[in-house]
Amino acid sequence: MVIASIVGAVMLTASNRLAAEIRSSGRRDSLYEYWSDGDFGSNWTVTTESNSSRCHVATSYVSSGGNPGAYRWDSITFDSSPKNYVAAGCVLSVNTSAQWSPSSITFSRIVFSYDLYAFPPADLVYQGPLVYQGGNYFIASCPYSISSLSTWTVGSQFSLAATDFVEIDPTTLELDSGSHPDFSSAGGTVTCGYALWGSHTTDGHYTTGKTGIDNWYCAVYETP
């Protein structure tokens, strides 16, 4: 697994992202299919969850101000008092057009890229790739920690395998590090997207923030 660092704030087209990924990977596999979306229209299914009345989760479509144009705005905030409580929230966004069948290919890797922005005030939130399979959500176990992105910033995660994703329970928001998606020939249909999540602990430490995501991109590679 190779995780690319967040680089300067530039707008990349889907073809540019694809070319950059191929150059960085050095692999001899083949592109199976890719999807890109900078408008976040009706092809997205969004689930917001909170396990406490003190955690507030929201999401909305914004028609302008992205990189450029429309973008998706997500927010997770916690009550400032009292400080000694446990709570968590998440936004699980799935692009219903970005589907692929592991049974049709010999899977090699999956790639994600997107533009990110953190709106003030922002403390710390976690954002990363998401896949949905068999009624279960799986988030990348190597998310970005976003605390102060004052400009649109490109984030890319290259060469992810099934073991780089862990299951998240959308009700309890607990992570199961032993549960992964099945990208083998026996696996069911996979739908791709992204997730945002944060938590509040009994010592008063919490993650909270309002973020924007634009120019979402995902590609699946197969072994020839």
Foldseek 3Di string as FASTA:
>chain_A
DDFDDWDAFDDDAQVRVVVVQCVVPVDDFFFDDKDKDFQPPPQKDKDKAKQDPQKDKDKDWDQADPSGGIWIKIWIDGDQPDQADKMKIKMDMWRNVAKDALLVFAFFFKKKKWKKAFDPPFAWKWKFKWKDFPNWIKTFPDTDIDGHHHHTIMGIGHGHDQLRIWTADRHVRDTDNVDTADSHSPGGMMIIDMMMMKMGHRVRDIGTTMMIIGTIMMTTIHGD
